[in-house]
Amino acid sequence: MREKKGNKDLISFLLELYMEAKASKSRSAFEKLKHLLTEEDLKSIEKSSIEFREEFKLR
């Protein structure tokens, strides 16, 4: 672990590890969804997202 840490301070090193773990988890979740959803599902999600953005207003 010391080799991986190199000259970085502990906080920077831990933050980097956290960001890498978070990105890896996101990629894994995306891959799972990609296999579960059909093209029709993806188009429906996209349409809903666009409609939400167009209609969303802060009050």
PDB file of N, CA and C in Angstrom:
ATOM      1  N   MET A   1       0.813  -1.173   0.000  1.00  0.00           N
ATOM      2  CA  MET A   1       0.000   0.000   0.000  1.00  0.00           C
ATOM      3  C   MET A   1       0.871   1.257   0.000  1.00  0.00           C
ATOM      4  N   ARG A   2       2.004   1.174   0.616  1.00  0.00           N
ATOM      5  CA  ARG A   2       2.898   2.337   0.644  1.00  0.00           C
ATOM      6  C   ARG A   2       3.380   2.688  -0.761  1.00  0.00           C
ATOM      7  N   GLU A   3       3.583   1.653  -1.578  1.00  0.00           N
ATOM      8  CA  GLU A   3       3.998   1.912  -2.965  1.00  0.00           C
ATOM      9  C   GLU A   3       2.916   2.679  -3.708  1.00  0.00           C
ATOM     10  N   LYS A   4       1.667   2.280  -3.521  1.00  0.00           N
ATOM     11  CA  LYS A   4       0.545   2.967  -4.183  1.00  0.00           C
ATOM     12  C   LYS A   4       0.406   4.395  -3.683  1.00  0.00           C
ATOM     13  N   LYS A   5       0.614   4.595  -2.388  1.00  0.00           N
ATOM     14  CA  LYS A   5       0.465   5.922  -1.797  1.00  0.00           C
ATOM     15  C   LYS A   5       1.526   6.867  -2.341  1.00  0.00           C
ATOM     16  N   GLY A   6       2.727   6.367  -2.504  1.00  0.00           N
ATOM     17  CA  GLY A   6       3.804   7.205  -3.022  1.00  0.00           C
ATOM     18  C   GLY A   6       4.038   8.424  -2.147  1.00  0.00           C
ATOM     19  N   ASN A   7       4.162   9.598  -2.784  1.00  0.00           N
ATOM     20  CA  ASN A   7       4.446  10.834  -2.061  1.00  0.00           C
ATOM     21  C   ASN A   7       3.189  11.574  -1.624  1.00  0.00           C
ATOM     22  N   LYS A   8       2.027  11.015  -1.897  1.00  0.00           N
ATOM     23  CA  LYS A   8       0.770  11.689  -1.543  1.00  0.00           C
ATOM     24  C   LYS A   8       0.569  11.674  -0.030  1.00  0.00           C
ATOM     25  N   ASP A   9      -0.093  12.736   0.468  1.00  0.00           N
ATOM     26  CA  ASP A   9      -0.457  12.709   1.884  1.00  0.00           C
ATOM     27  C   ASP A   9      -1.618  11.730   2.054  1.00  0.00           C
ATOM     28  N   LEU A  10      -1.856  11.319   3.279  1.00  0.00           N
ATOM     29  CA  LEU A  10      -2.850  10.286   3.557  1.00  0.00           C
ATOM     30  C   LEU A  10      -4.246  10.691   3.093  1.00  0.00           C
ATOM     31  N   ILE A  11      -4.635  11.936   3.328  1.00  0.00           N
ATOM     32  CA  ILE A  11      -5.969  12.399   2.935  1.00  0.00           C
ATOM     33  C   ILE A  11      -6.147  12.309   1.419  1.00  0.00           C
ATOM     34  N   SER A  12      -5.164  12.772   0.658  1.00  0.00           N
ATOM     35  CA  SER A  12      -5.244  12.717  -0.808  1.00  0.00           C
ATOM     36  C   SER A  12      -5.316  11.280  -1.296  1.00  0.00           C
ATOM     37  N   PHE A  13      -4.518  10.427  -0.683  1.00  0.00           N
ATOM     38  CA  PHE A  13      -4.498   9.019  -1.063  1.00  0.00           C
ATOM     39  C   PHE A  13      -5.851   8.358  -0.791  1.00  0.00           C
ATOM     40  N   LEU A  14      -6.417   8.603   0.395  1.00  0.00           N
ATOM     41  CA  LEU A  14      -7.715   8.016   0.736  1.00  0.00           C
ATOM     42  C   LEU A  14      -8.821   8.556  -0.159  1.00  0.00           C
ATOM     43  N   LEU A  15      -8.765   9.838  -0.479  1.00  0.00           N
ATOM     44  CA  LEU A  15      -9.753  10.431  -1.376  1.00  0.00           C
ATOM     45  C   LEU A  15      -9.667   9.793  -2.758  1.00  0.00           C
ATOM     46  N   GLU A  16      -8.454   9.576  -3.233  1.00  0.00           N
ATOM     47  CA  GLU A  16      -8.261   8.926  -4.532  1.00  0.00           C
ATOM     48  C   GLU A  16      -8.823   7.499  -4.515  1.00  0.00           C
ATOM     49  N   LEU A  17      -8.563   6.759  -3.450  1.00  0.00           N
ATOM     50  CA  LEU A  17      -9.105   5.400  -3.327  1.00  0.00           C
ATOM     51  C   LEU A  17     -10.628   5.422  -3.326  1.00  0.00           C
ATOM     52  N   TYR A  18     -11.206   6.370  -2.594  1.00  0.00           N
ATOM     53  CA  TYR A  18     -12.656   6.497  -2.532  1.00  0.00           C
ATOM     54  C   TYR A  18     -13.236   6.786  -3.914  1.00  0.00           C
ATOM     55  N   MET A  19     -12.644   7.733  -4.627  1.00  0.00           N
ATOM     56  CA  MET A  19     -13.145   8.109  -5.953  1.00  0.00           C
ATOM     57  C   MET A  19     -13.042   6.936  -6.928  1.00  0.00           C
ATOM     58  N   GLU A  20     -11.952   6.187  -6.862  1.00  0.00           N
ATOM     59  CA  GLU A  20     -11.791   5.015  -7.728  1.00  0.00           C
ATOM     60  C   GLU A  20     -12.844   3.951  -7.408  1.00  0.00           C
ATOM     61  N   ALA A  21     -13.100   3.720  -6.122  1.00  0.00           N
ATOM     62  CA  ALA A  21     -14.107   2.726  -5.720  1.00  0.00           C
ATOM     63  C   ALA A  21     -15.496   3.159  -6.170  1.00  0.00           C
ATOM     64  N   LYS A  22     -15.788   4.442  -6.022  1.00  0.00           N
ATOM     65  CA  LYS A  22     -17.093   4.967  -6.425  1.00  0.00           C
ATOM     66  C   LYS A  22     -17.289   4.829  -7.938  1.00  0.00           C
ATOM     67  N   ALA A  23     -16.261   5.163  -8.713  1.00  0.00           N
ATOM     68  CA  ALA A  23     -16.337   5.050 -10.173  1.00  0.00           C
ATOM     69  C   ALA A  23     -16.516   3.587 -10.589  1.00  0.00           C
ATOM     70  N   SER A  24     -15.807   2.700  -9.925  1.00  0.00           N
ATOM     71  CA  SER A  24     -15.913   1.273 -10.236  1.00  0.00           C
ATOM     72  C   SER A  24     -17.322   0.755  -9.945  1.00  0.00           C
ATOM     73  N   LYS A  25     -17.888   1.188  -8.833  1.00  0.00           N
ATOM     74  CA  LYS A  25     -19.241   0.787  -8.467  1.00  0.00           C
ATOM     75  C   LYS A  25     -20.250   1.305  -9.493  1.00  0.00           C
ATOM     76  N   SER A  26     -20.059   2.537  -9.948  1.00  0.00           N
ATOM     77  CA  SER A  26     -20.959   3.122 -10.951  1.00  0.00           C
ATOM     78  C   SER A  26     -20.881   2.360 -12.268  1.00  0.00           C
ATOM     79  N   ARG A  27     -19.652   2.038 -12.692  1.00  0.00           N
ATOM     80  CA  ARG A  27     -19.478   1.277 -13.936  1.00  0.00           C
ATOM     81  C   ARG A  27     -20.155  -0.082 -13.838  1.00  0.00           C
ATOM     82  N   SER A  28     -19.996  -0.727 -12.700  1.00  0.00           N
ATOM     83  CA  SER A  28     -20.596  -2.044 -12.495  1.00  0.00           C
ATOM     84  C   SER A  28     -22.123  -1.962 -12.550  1.00  0.00           C
ATOM     85  N   ALA A  29     -22.690  -0.964 -11.897  1.00  0.00           N
ATOM     86  CA  ALA A  29     -24.150  -0.790 -11.908  1.00  0.00           C
ATOM     87  C   ALA A  29     -24.643  -0.503 -13.319  1.00  0.00           C
ATOM     88  N   PHE A  30     -23.900   0.319 -14.064  1.00  0.00           N
ATOM     89  CA  PHE A  30     -24.273   0.640 -15.438  1.00  0.00           C
ATOM     90  C   PHE A  30     -24.275  -0.616 -16.300  1.00  0.00           C
ATOM     91  N   GLU A  31     -23.261  -1.443 -16.157  1.00  0.00           N
ATOM     92  CA  GLU A  31     -23.180  -2.678 -16.940  1.00  0.00           C
ATOM     93  C   GLU A  31     -24.352  -3.610 -16.623  1.00  0.00           C
ATOM     94  N   LYS A  32     -24.721  -3.707 -15.352  1.00  0.00           N
ATOM     95  CA  LYS A  32     -25.863  -4.546 -14.978  1.00  0.00           C
ATOM     96  C   LYS A  32     -27.143  -4.024 -15.616  1.00  0.00           C
ATOM     97  N   LEU A  33     -27.347  -2.707 -15.537  1.00  0.00           N
ATOM     98  CA  LEU A  33     -28.548  -2.115 -16.132  1.00  0.00           C
ATOM     99  C   LEU A  33     -28.581  -2.310 -17.638  1.00  0.00           C
ATOM    100  N   LYS A  34     -27.423  -2.184 -18.261  1.00  0.00           N
ATOM    101  CA  LYS A  34     -27.332  -2.327 -19.711  1.00  0.00           C
ATOM    102  C   LYS A  34     -27.832  -3.700 -20.157  1.00  0.00           C
ATOM    103  N   HIS A  35     -27.603  -4.702 -19.353  1.00  0.00           N
ATOM    104  CA  HIS A  35     -28.044  -6.052 -19.696  1.00  0.00           C
ATOM    105  C   HIS A  35     -29.508  -6.306 -19.329  1.00  0.00           C
ATOM    106  N   LEU A  36     -30.033  -5.530 -18.390  1.00  0.00           N
ATOM    107  CA  LEU A  36     -31.415  -5.734 -17.943  1.00  0.00           C
ATOM    108  C   LEU A  36     -32.439  -4.960 -18.767  1.00  0.00           C
ATOM    109  N   LEU A  37     -32.054  -3.786 -19.273  1.00  0.00           N
ATOM    110  CA  LEU A  37     -33.001  -2.913 -19.961  1.00  0.00           C
ATOM    111  C   LEU A  37     -33.011  -3.157 -21.462  1.00  0.00           C
ATOM    112  N   THR A  38     -34.197  -3.054 -22.041  1.00  0.00           N
ATOM    113  CA  THR A  38     -34.328  -3.181 -23.493  1.00  0.00           C
ATOM    114  C   THR A  38     -34.157  -1.800 -24.125  1.00  0.00           C
ATOM    115  N   GLU A  39     -34.055  -1.775 -25.424  1.00  0.00           N
ATOM    116  CA  GLU A  39     -33.961  -0.514 -26.161  1.00  0.00           C
ATOM    117  C   GLU A  39     -35.204   0.335 -25.897  1.00  0.00           C
ATOM    118  N   GLU A  40     -36.344  -0.312 -25.821  1.00  0.00           N
ATOM    119  CA  GLU A  40     -37.601   0.393 -25.540  1.00  0.00           C
ATOM    120  C   GLU A  40     -37.568   1.028 -24.139  1.00  0.00           C
ATOM    121  N   ASP A  41     -37.033   0.293 -23.171  1.00  0.00           N
ATOM    122  CA  ASP A  41     -36.901   0.832 -21.808  1.00  0.00           C
ATOM    123  C   ASP A  41     -36.029   2.083 -21.808  1.00  0.00           C
ATOM    124  N   LEU A  42     -34.899   2.005 -22.511  1.00  0.00           N
ATOM    125  CA  LEU A  42     -33.972   3.138 -22.557  1.00  0.00           C
ATOM    126  C   LEU A  42     -34.610   4.360 -23.206  1.00  0.00           C
ATOM    127  N   LYS A  43     -35.358   4.154 -24.280  1.00  0.00           N
ATOM    128  CA  LYS A  43     -36.033   5.273 -24.943  1.00  0.00           C
ATOM    129  C   LYS A  43     -37.086   5.891 -24.032  1.00  0.00           C
ATOM    130  N   SER A  44     -37.793   5.068 -23.289  1.00  0.00           N
ATOM    131  CA  SER A  44     -38.804   5.555 -22.355  1.00  0.00           C
ATOM    132  C   SER A  44     -38.163   6.381 -21.238  1.00  0.00           C
ATOM    133  N   ILE A  45     -37.045   5.910 -20.723  1.00  0.00           N
ATOM    134  CA  ILE A  45     -36.321   6.643 -19.680  1.00  0.00           C
ATOM    135  C   ILE A  45     -35.831   7.979 -20.222  1.00  0.00           C
ATOM    136  N   GLU A  46     -35.281   7.956 -21.422  1.00  0.00           N
ATOM    137  CA  GLU A  46     -34.794   9.189 -22.042  1.00  0.00           C
ATOM    138  C   GLU A  46     -35.938  10.190 -22.223  1.00  0.00           C
ATOM    139  N   LYS A  47     -37.068   9.720 -22.718  1.00  0.00           N
ATOM    140  CA  LYS A  47     -38.229  10.589 -22.935  1.00  0.00           C
ATOM    141  C   LYS A  47     -38.698  11.201 -21.616  1.00  0.00           C
ATOM    142  N   SER A  48     -38.797  10.389 -20.587  1.00  0.00           N
ATOM    143  CA  SER A  48     -39.227  10.876 -19.275  1.00  0.00           C
ATOM    144  C   SER A  48     -38.257  11.909 -18.720  1.00  0.00           C
ATOM    145  N   SER A  49     -36.986  11.663 -18.908  1.00  0.00           N
ATOM    146  CA  SER A  49     -35.965  12.591 -18.424  1.00  0.00           C
ATOM    147  C   SER A  49     -36.072  13.943 -19.125  1.00  0.00           C
ATOM    148  N   ILE A  50     -36.261  13.916 -20.436  1.00  0.00           N
ATOM    149  CA  ILE A  50     -36.396  15.156 -21.214  1.00  0.00           C
ATOM    150  C   ILE A  50     -37.642  15.916 -20.773  1.00  0.00           C
ATOM    151  N   GLU A  51     -38.752  15.206 -20.619  1.00  0.00           N
ATOM    152  CA  GLU A  51     -39.996  15.849 -20.183  1.00  0.00           C
ATOM    153  C   GLU A  51     -39.836  16.473 -18.802  1.00  0.00           C
ATOM    154  N   PHE A  52     -39.174  15.772 -17.912  1.00  0.00           N
ATOM    155  CA  PHE A  52     -38.962  16.300 -16.565  1.00  0.00           C
ATOM    156  C   PHE A  52     -38.150  17.589 -16.618  1.00  0.00           C
ATOM    157  N   ARG A  53     -37.062  17.589 -17.377  1.00  0.00           N
ATOM    158  CA  ARG A  53     -36.212  18.790 -17.472  1.00  0.00           C
ATOM    159  C   ARG A  53     -36.959  19.967 -18.069  1.00  0.00           C
ATOM    160  N   GLU A  54     -37.802  19.701 -19.056  1.00  0.00           N
ATOM    161  CA  GLU A  54     -38.556  20.782 -19.699  1.00  0.00           C
ATOM    162  C   GLU A  54     -39.606  21.372 -18.760  1.00  0.00           C
ATOM    163  N   GLU A  55     -40.197  20.539 -17.913  1.00  0.00           N
ATOM    164  CA  GLU A  55     -41.288  20.990 -17.054  1.00  0.00           C
ATOM    165  C   GLU A  55     -40.833  21.445 -15.670  1.00  0.00           C
ATOM    166  N   PHE A  56     -39.615  21.116 -15.286  1.00  0.00           N
ATOM    167  CA  PHE A  56     -39.134  21.446 -13.950  1.00  0.00           C
ATOM    168  C   PHE A  56     -38.880  22.945 -13.825  1.00  0.00           C
ATOM    169  N   LYS A  57     -39.435  23.533 -12.772  1.00  0.00           N
ATOM    170  CA  LYS A  57     -39.221  24.957 -12.511  1.00  0.00           C
ATOM    171  C   LYS A  57     -39.065  25.148 -11.010  1.00  0.00           C
ATOM    172  N   LEU A  58     -38.106  25.978 -10.626  1.00  0.00           N
ATOM    173  CA  LEU A  58     -37.962  26.333  -9.219  1.00  0.00           C
ATOM    174  C   LEU A  58     -38.986  27.395  -8.881  1.00  0.00           C
ATOM    175  N   ARG A  59     -39.538  27.310  -7.710  1.00  0.00           N
ATOM    176  CA  ARG A  59     -40.538  28.312  -7.298  1.00  0.00           C
ATOM    177  C   ARG A  59     -39.963  29.246  -6.289  1.00  0.00           C
TER     178      ARG A  59
END
